[in-house]
Amino acid sequence: MPVLGRQASRPGATWIYGPATDLFVALCWVPLWLLAHQLVRGHGGHDDALLRSALGAAFLLSFLHQPLTLALVYGDANQLRQHRRLFLWTPPAAIGLIIVAVAFHLWVIIPVAAVWNTVHTLQQRYGLCRIYSRKAHYGSALVDRWMLFASMAAAVLAVAVNHATLRLVHRVNLDGVNAGGIRLLVDARPWAVALLVPVGLVAAGLLAAIVRQEAAQGSRANPAKWIYQGSSLLLIASIAVDPAAGFIAYIGAHALEYFVVVYKTFDARYGRERDGSTVLGRVAHRWAGRVAAIAVVVGAALLLRARVHGDVYNVVLYTVGVLHFVYDGVIWKLRKPVVAADFAIRPA
């Protein structure tokens, strides 16, 4: 169970889970980026093949973390009771929508999914920033959110402006749909050039607002938040420096972060006592049960990935993605007392 107010050696550092876990969550993208960047710097068929494998591994890791949302929903009796209609009707609606899109090759879902996934990942980082602020009892939600979004917008515009982006697409050998999406981004280069400076200035202004906010708190400021927030900005900047390495690190770190949050949520909800009302409650009160629950979901996803192919796999892939996005938007709301309790946040 997370402990409120767990202190680091420096006074005022209030962690979400503790120094070791929080530092892993904040910095797990760094080795991913360094490895991918080394592959990008290489030349020749062997390095290109390794880079494609790294990109494929990042996509696989991203897919594996998404079904964990379903365990948090259908394995938690309280969630089902609170949103019964949503959890009953969303799956058939999502399946129907995706079947139509795949059957009629409406691949507009690809860029929509890409934008949605980018926003979803930024929202998760924003959410953790808000947890740090809530635990330290200060901070502006508006500034935290828009600093991340403005920084990502500036990074995407920088990628569009970069003349090497199309060459990179050919190196990683993206499929026609995804490659077409990148080409659309590159074709918008004149607009990107015009927007890069003003968007960059907005991002810089929001960063200055964050710095002023933290400085104004004095000894009440939370260095643990600085580490996570600063690391998030560096990750976004790394996309502009090396788009392929930054993309791999961005989606890989998001998945790893999610695994940690789900495990710790199981711990917070079931770690103290056994809840016999659901299967999840009966197994997740021990660490071995929590690991087993996550392993079962991941194993099922791997089996599905190995056995199902073609349009059927695409239907499953995008349906799970839709449910992941929708359900996460419902589950992770800090204004809910049960979610605040998961992160050891006392009521205001």
Protein backbone atom coordinates (compact mmCIF):
# COMPACT_ATOMS: atom_id res chain seq x y z
CA MET A 1 0.00 0.00 0.00
CA PRO A 2 1.46 3.42 -0.89
CA VAL A 3 2.44 5.47 2.13
CA LEU A 4 1.39 9.12 2.23
CA GLY A 5 4.22 11.52 2.75
CA ARG A 6 7.05 9.02 2.37
CA GLN A 7 10.11 11.23 2.43
CA ALA A 8 13.31 11.14 0.44
CA SER A 9 16.59 12.29 1.90
CA ARG A 10 15.76 15.84 0.78
CA PRO A 11 12.92 17.44 2.81
CA GLY A 12 9.75 18.07 0.84
CA ALA A 13 10.13 15.21 -1.66
CA THR A 14 6.79 13.39 -1.54
CA TRP A 15 6.69 10.31 -3.75
CA ILE A 16 3.70 8.46 -5.17
CA TYR A 17 5.01 4.98 -4.39
CA GLY A 18 8.53 5.53 -3.08
CA PRO A 19 11.89 6.73 -4.50
CA ALA A 20 12.88 3.51 -6.30
CA THR A 21 9.53 2.91 -8.00
CA ASP A 22 8.97 6.56 -8.88
CA LEU A 23 12.44 6.92 -10.36
CA PHE A 24 11.87 3.82 -12.49
CA VAL A 25 8.58 5.25 -13.77
CA ALA A 26 10.15 8.64 -14.50
CA LEU A 27 13.34 7.39 -16.16
CA CYS A 28 12.50 4.04 -17.80
CA TRP A 29 12.34 5.78 -21.19
CA VAL A 30 16.04 6.72 -21.07
CA PRO A 31 17.56 3.25 -21.80
CA LEU A 32 14.89 2.65 -24.45
CA TRP A 33 15.84 5.89 -26.19
CA LEU A 34 19.58 5.28 -25.93
CA LEU A 35 19.26 1.79 -27.42
CA ALA A 36 16.99 2.93 -30.26
CA HIS A 37 19.18 5.98 -30.95
CA GLN A 38 22.20 3.73 -31.30
CA LEU A 39 20.33 1.68 -33.89
CA VAL A 40 19.25 4.81 -35.77
CA ARG A 41 22.87 5.94 -35.96
CA GLY A 42 23.91 2.64 -37.54
CA HIS A 43 23.95 2.05 -41.28
CA GLY A 44 23.31 -1.01 -43.38
CA GLY A 45 20.72 -3.72 -43.65
CA HIS A 46 21.56 -5.31 -40.29
CA ASP A 47 21.01 -2.08 -38.35
CA ASP A 48 17.82 -1.34 -40.29
CA ALA A 49 16.49 -4.79 -39.42
CA LEU A 50 17.32 -4.28 -35.74
CA LEU A 51 15.60 -0.88 -35.78
CA ARG A 52 12.48 -2.44 -37.30
CA SER A 53 12.58 -5.15 -34.62
CA ALA A 54 12.85 -2.50 -31.89
CA LEU A 55 9.86 -0.66 -33.33
CA GLY A 56 7.90 -3.92 -33.52
CA ALA A 57 8.79 -4.72 -29.90
CA ALA A 58 7.55 -1.29 -28.81
CA PHE A 59 4.24 -1.84 -30.65
CA LEU A 60 3.91 -5.27 -29.03
CA LEU A 61 4.60 -3.88 -25.55
CA SER A 62 2.01 -1.18 -26.18
CA PHE A 63 -0.55 -3.82 -27.18
CA LEU A 64 0.19 -5.99 -24.13
CA HIS A 65 -0.53 -3.27 -21.58
CA GLN A 66 -3.93 -2.36 -22.99
CA PRO A 67 -5.92 -5.46 -21.87
CA LEU A 68 -4.94 -4.71 -18.25
CA THR A 69 -7.67 -2.09 -18.33
CA LEU A 70 -10.23 -4.85 -18.86
CA ALA A 71 -9.01 -6.64 -15.72
CA LEU A 72 -9.40 -3.42 -13.74
CA VAL A 73 -12.98 -3.13 -15.00
CA TYR A 74 -14.45 -6.61 -15.20
CA GLY A 75 -12.46 -7.93 -12.26
CA ASP A 76 -13.55 -5.12 -9.93
CA ALA A 77 -17.13 -5.44 -8.68
CA ASN A 78 -17.21 -1.80 -7.54
CA GLN A 79 -16.32 -0.52 -11.01
CA LEU A 80 -19.01 -2.69 -12.58
CA ARG A 81 -21.65 -1.44 -10.16
CA GLN A 82 -20.75 2.22 -10.71
CA HIS A 83 -20.80 2.12 -14.53
CA ARG A 84 -22.83 -0.96 -15.42
CA ARG A 85 -24.43 0.42 -18.61
CA LEU A 86 -21.17 1.82 -19.94
CA PHE A 87 -19.29 -1.44 -19.40
CA LEU A 88 -22.18 -3.45 -20.85
CA TRP A 89 -22.72 -1.50 -24.08
CA THR A 90 -19.27 -0.16 -24.93
CA PRO A 91 -17.77 -3.53 -26.06
CA PRO A 92 -20.46 -4.40 -28.66
CA ALA A 93 -20.49 -0.79 -29.91
CA ALA A 94 -16.70 -0.75 -30.26
CA ILE A 95 -16.62 -4.16 -31.97
CA GLY A 96 -19.31 -3.11 -34.45
CA LEU A 97 -17.56 0.16 -35.28
CA ILE A 98 -14.18 -1.51 -35.80
CA ILE A 99 -15.62 -4.35 -37.92
CA VAL A 100 -17.22 -1.80 -40.26
CA ALA A 101 -13.98 0.22 -40.46
CA VAL A 102 -11.85 -2.86 -41.20
CA ALA A 103 -14.33 -4.49 -43.61
CA PHE A 104 -14.68 -1.33 -45.70
CA HIS A 105 -10.99 -0.39 -45.34
CA LEU A 106 -11.82 2.88 -43.63
CA TRP A 107 -8.22 3.37 -42.58
CA VAL A 108 -8.98 6.87 -41.38
CA ILE A 109 -9.09 5.08 -38.01
CA ILE A 110 -5.28 4.85 -38.14
CA PRO A 111 -4.51 8.61 -37.89
CA VAL A 112 -7.45 9.02 -35.49
CA ALA A 113 -6.03 6.23 -33.32
CA ALA A 114 -2.54 7.77 -33.52
CA VAL A 115 -3.78 11.17 -32.34
CA TRP A 116 -5.94 9.57 -29.67
CA ASN A 117 -3.05 7.43 -28.44
CA THR A 118 -0.78 10.48 -28.23
CA VAL A 119 -3.39 12.38 -26.24
CA HIS A 120 -4.06 9.34 -24.04
CA THR A 121 -0.36 8.96 -23.23
CA LEU A 122 -0.01 12.67 -22.43
CA GLN A 123 -3.10 12.44 -20.23
CA GLN A 124 -1.46 9.65 -18.24
CA ARG A 125 1.63 11.79 -17.67
CA TYR A 126 -0.56 14.73 -16.76
CA GLY A 127 -2.43 12.52 -14.30
CA LEU A 128 0.76 11.50 -12.50
CA CYS A 129 1.85 15.15 -12.36
CA ARG A 130 -1.47 15.96 -10.71
CA ILE A 131 -0.96 13.17 -8.16
CA TYR A 132 2.38 14.69 -7.16
CA SER A 133 0.68 18.08 -6.84
CA ARG A 134 -2.25 16.73 -4.85
CA LYS A 135 0.07 14.95 -2.44
CA ALA A 136 2.04 18.17 -1.95
CA HIS A 137 -1.18 20.28 -1.81
CA TYR A 138 -0.35 22.85 -4.47
CA GLY A 139 -0.10 23.31 -8.24
CA SER A 140 -2.11 24.41 -11.29
CA ALA A 141 -3.91 21.70 -13.26
CA LEU A 142 -4.28 24.07 -16.23
CA VAL A 143 -0.54 24.80 -16.46
CA ASP A 144 0.46 21.14 -15.92
CA ARG A 145 -1.83 19.94 -18.71
CA TRP A 146 -1.12 22.55 -21.35
CA MET A 147 2.63 22.54 -20.82
CA LEU A 148 2.68 18.86 -21.86
CA PHE A 149 0.38 19.40 -24.84
CA ALA A 150 2.18 22.51 -26.09
CA SER A 151 5.56 20.77 -25.76
CA MET A 152 4.30 17.74 -27.72
CA ALA A 153 2.83 20.01 -30.41
CA ALA A 154 6.21 21.74 -30.78
CA ALA A 155 7.99 18.35 -31.01
CA VAL A 156 5.60 17.08 -33.71
CA LEU A 157 6.05 20.29 -35.70
CA ALA A 158 9.83 19.88 -35.42
CA VAL A 159 9.51 16.34 -36.82
CA ALA A 160 7.43 17.65 -39.73
CA VAL A 161 10.04 20.33 -40.48
CA ASN A 162 12.93 17.83 -40.40
CA HIS A 163 13.91 16.80 -43.96
CA ALA A 164 15.24 13.46 -42.71
CA THR A 165 11.82 12.25 -41.53
CA LEU A 166 10.83 10.62 -44.84
CA ARG A 167 14.17 8.83 -45.11
CA LEU A 168 13.57 7.46 -41.66
CA VAL A 169 10.15 6.13 -42.77
CA HIS A 170 11.84 4.17 -45.54
CA ARG A 171 14.41 2.76 -43.09
CA VAL A 172 11.87 1.37 -40.64
CA ASN A 173 9.66 0.09 -43.48
CA LEU A 174 6.31 1.16 -42.07
CA ASP A 175 3.19 -0.28 -43.68
CA GLY A 176 1.44 1.78 -46.33
CA VAL A 177 -1.16 3.27 -44.01
CA ASN A 178 1.25 4.43 -41.30
CA ALA A 179 3.80 5.58 -43.85
CA GLY A 180 1.05 7.56 -45.56
CA GLY A 181 0.23 9.25 -42.27
CA ILE A 182 3.85 10.32 -41.84
CA ARG A 183 3.91 11.62 -45.41
CA LEU A 184 0.83 13.73 -44.67
CA LEU A 185 2.70 15.18 -41.71
CA VAL A 186 5.74 15.91 -43.87
CA ASP A 187 3.56 17.43 -46.62
CA ALA A 188 2.37 19.93 -44.02
CA ARG A 189 5.94 21.26 -43.69
CA PRO A 190 5.09 24.85 -44.81
CA TRP A 191 2.44 25.06 -42.08
CA ALA A 192 4.78 23.42 -39.60
CA VAL A 193 7.50 25.98 -40.32
CA ALA A 194 5.03 28.82 -39.73
CA LEU A 195 3.67 27.34 -36.50
CA LEU A 196 6.86 26.00 -34.91
CA VAL A 197 8.09 29.30 -33.45
CA PRO A 198 4.78 30.51 -31.93
CA VAL A 199 3.97 27.06 -30.51
CA GLY A 200 7.50 26.80 -29.15
CA LEU A 201 7.12 30.19 -27.48
CA VAL A 202 3.85 29.10 -25.87
CA ALA A 203 5.55 25.95 -24.55
CA ALA A 204 8.45 28.02 -23.21
CA GLY A 205 6.04 30.41 -21.52
CA LEU A 206 4.21 27.55 -19.83
CA LEU A 207 7.52 26.09 -18.68
CA ALA A 208 8.40 29.47 -17.17
CA ALA A 209 5.04 29.45 -15.38
CA ILE A 210 5.85 26.02 -13.93
CA VAL A 211 9.24 27.24 -12.72
CA ARG A 212 7.66 30.31 -11.09
CA GLN A 213 5.02 28.13 -9.46
CA GLU A 214 7.61 25.80 -7.96
CA ALA A 215 9.86 28.65 -6.83
CA ALA A 216 6.93 30.35 -5.11
CA GLN A 217 6.35 27.29 -2.92
CA GLY A 218 9.76 27.47 -1.27
CA SER A 219 10.19 24.56 1.15
CA ARG A 220 6.71 23.23 0.28
CA ALA A 221 7.76 22.45 -3.30
CA ASN A 222 7.95 18.78 -4.27
CA PRO A 223 11.26 17.73 -5.88
CA ALA A 224 9.75 14.33 -6.71
CA LYS A 225 7.39 16.11 -9.11
CA TRP A 226 10.31 18.01 -10.66
CA ILE A 227 11.98 14.73 -11.55
CA TYR A 228 8.88 13.28 -13.21
CA GLN A 229 7.80 16.47 -14.94
CA GLY A 230 11.32 17.31 -16.12
CA SER A 231 11.81 13.76 -17.38
CA SER A 232 8.52 13.96 -19.30
CA LEU A 233 9.65 17.16 -21.03
CA LEU A 234 13.00 15.62 -21.93
CA LEU A 235 11.20 12.58 -23.37
CA ILE A 236 9.05 14.85 -25.55
CA ALA A 237 12.14 16.81 -26.62
CA SER A 238 13.86 13.53 -27.55
CA ILE A 239 11.18 12.99 -30.21
CA ALA A 240 12.32 16.16 -31.96
CA VAL A 241 16.00 15.14 -31.65
CA ASP A 242 15.50 11.59 -32.96
CA PRO A 243 11.91 10.81 -34.03
CA ALA A 244 12.35 7.02 -34.26
CA ALA A 245 14.14 6.64 -30.93
CA GLY A 246 11.79 9.14 -29.29
CA PHE A 247 8.71 7.32 -30.57
CA ILE A 248 9.97 3.94 -29.35
CA ALA A 249 10.83 5.42 -25.94
CA TYR A 250 7.51 7.28 -25.74
CA ILE A 251 5.20 4.31 -26.31
CA GLY A 252 7.46 1.84 -24.49
CA ALA A 253 7.72 3.98 -21.35
CA HIS A 254 3.97 4.54 -21.36
CA ALA A 255 3.35 0.78 -21.29
CA LEU A 256 5.94 0.14 -18.56
CA GLU A 257 4.49 2.98 -16.51
CA TYR A 258 1.03 1.48 -16.88
CA PHE A 259 2.19 -1.95 -15.68
CA VAL A 260 3.55 -0.31 -12.51
CA VAL A 261 0.39 1.71 -11.88
CA VAL A 262 -1.87 -1.32 -12.38
CA TYR A 263 0.22 -3.50 -10.05
CA LYS A 264 0.27 -0.79 -7.39
CA THR A 265 -3.49 -0.24 -7.81
CA PHE A 266 -4.09 -3.95 -7.20
CA ASP A 267 -1.90 -3.62 -4.11
CA ALA A 268 -3.80 -0.57 -2.84
CA ARG A 269 -7.25 -2.07 -3.37
CA TYR A 270 -6.65 -5.68 -2.35
CA GLY A 271 -3.30 -5.77 -0.56
CA ARG A 272 -4.58 -5.23 2.97
CA GLU A 273 -7.37 -7.77 3.01
CA ARG A 274 -8.89 -10.40 0.82
CA ASP A 275 -12.05 -9.43 -1.10
CA GLY A 276 -14.00 -12.61 -1.81
CA SER A 277 -16.61 -10.95 -4.03
CA THR A 278 -14.55 -11.35 -7.25
CA VAL A 279 -11.84 -13.62 -8.58
CA LEU A 280 -9.48 -10.65 -8.77
CA GLY A 281 -10.15 -9.80 -5.13
CA ARG A 282 -9.44 -13.37 -4.06
CA VAL A 283 -6.04 -13.55 -5.77
CA ALA A 284 -4.70 -9.98 -5.67
CA HIS A 285 -4.32 -9.69 -1.90
CA ARG A 286 -0.88 -11.37 -2.21
CA TRP A 287 2.00 -10.15 -4.37
CA ALA A 288 2.19 -13.50 -6.16
CA GLY A 289 -1.49 -13.23 -7.02
CA ARG A 290 -1.05 -9.72 -8.38
CA VAL A 291 1.85 -10.83 -10.56
CA ALA A 292 -0.13 -13.87 -11.70
CA ALA A 293 -3.16 -11.73 -12.61
CA ILE A 294 -1.02 -9.48 -14.81
CA ALA A 295 0.82 -12.50 -16.28
CA VAL A 296 -2.46 -14.18 -17.26
CA VAL A 297 -3.65 -11.08 -19.12
CA VAL A 298 -0.30 -10.63 -20.87
CA GLY A 299 -0.11 -14.34 -21.73
CA ALA A 300 -3.57 -14.28 -23.27
CA ALA A 301 -2.62 -11.24 -25.35
CA LEU A 302 0.59 -12.94 -26.54
CA LEU A 303 -1.34 -16.09 -27.47
CA LEU A 304 -3.87 -14.04 -29.40
CA ARG A 305 -1.06 -12.19 -31.18
CA ALA A 306 0.54 -15.48 -32.21
CA ARG A 307 -2.64 -17.27 -33.34
CA VAL A 308 -4.79 -14.55 -34.90
CA HIS A 309 -3.84 -12.68 -38.06
CA GLY A 310 -5.19 -10.46 -40.81
CA ASP A 311 -8.41 -8.51 -40.47
CA VAL A 312 -9.52 -10.49 -37.42
CA TYR A 313 -6.39 -9.42 -35.57
CA ASN A 314 -6.93 -5.80 -36.64
CA VAL A 315 -10.47 -5.93 -35.25
CA VAL A 316 -9.19 -7.27 -31.93
CA LEU A 317 -6.27 -4.81 -31.84
CA TYR A 318 -8.36 -1.69 -32.43
CA THR A 319 -11.26 -2.86 -30.28
CA VAL A 320 -8.99 -3.45 -27.30
CA GLY A 321 -7.44 -0.04 -27.96
CA VAL A 322 -10.82 1.71 -27.99
CA LEU A 323 -11.88 0.00 -24.76
CA HIS A 324 -8.54 0.84 -23.18
CA PHE A 325 -8.90 4.54 -24.01
CA VAL A 326 -12.57 4.78 -23.00
CA TYR A 327 -12.30 2.79 -19.79
CA ASP A 328 -9.15 4.57 -18.65
CA GLY A 329 -10.97 7.86 -19.11
CA VAL A 330 -13.66 6.58 -16.75
CA ILE A 331 -11.46 4.81 -14.19
CA TRP A 332 -8.59 7.21 -13.52
CA LYS A 333 -10.33 10.26 -12.07
CA LEU A 334 -8.60 11.71 -9.00
CA ARG A 335 -11.82 13.40 -7.94
CA LYS A 336 -13.17 9.92 -7.14
CA PRO A 337 -12.43 9.07 -3.49
CA VAL A 338 -11.57 5.45 -4.32
CA VAL A 339 -8.97 6.53 -6.92
CA ALA A 340 -7.50 9.16 -4.61
CA ALA A 341 -7.23 6.46 -1.94
CA ASP A 342 -5.33 4.22 -4.39
CA PHE A 343 -2.62 6.88 -4.43
CA ALA A 344 -2.82 7.62 -0.69
CA ILE A 345 -4.21 11.12 -1.25
CA ARG A 346 -6.11 12.46 1.71
CA PRO A 347 -9.46 14.19 1.11
CA ALA A 348 -9.16 17.95 0.73
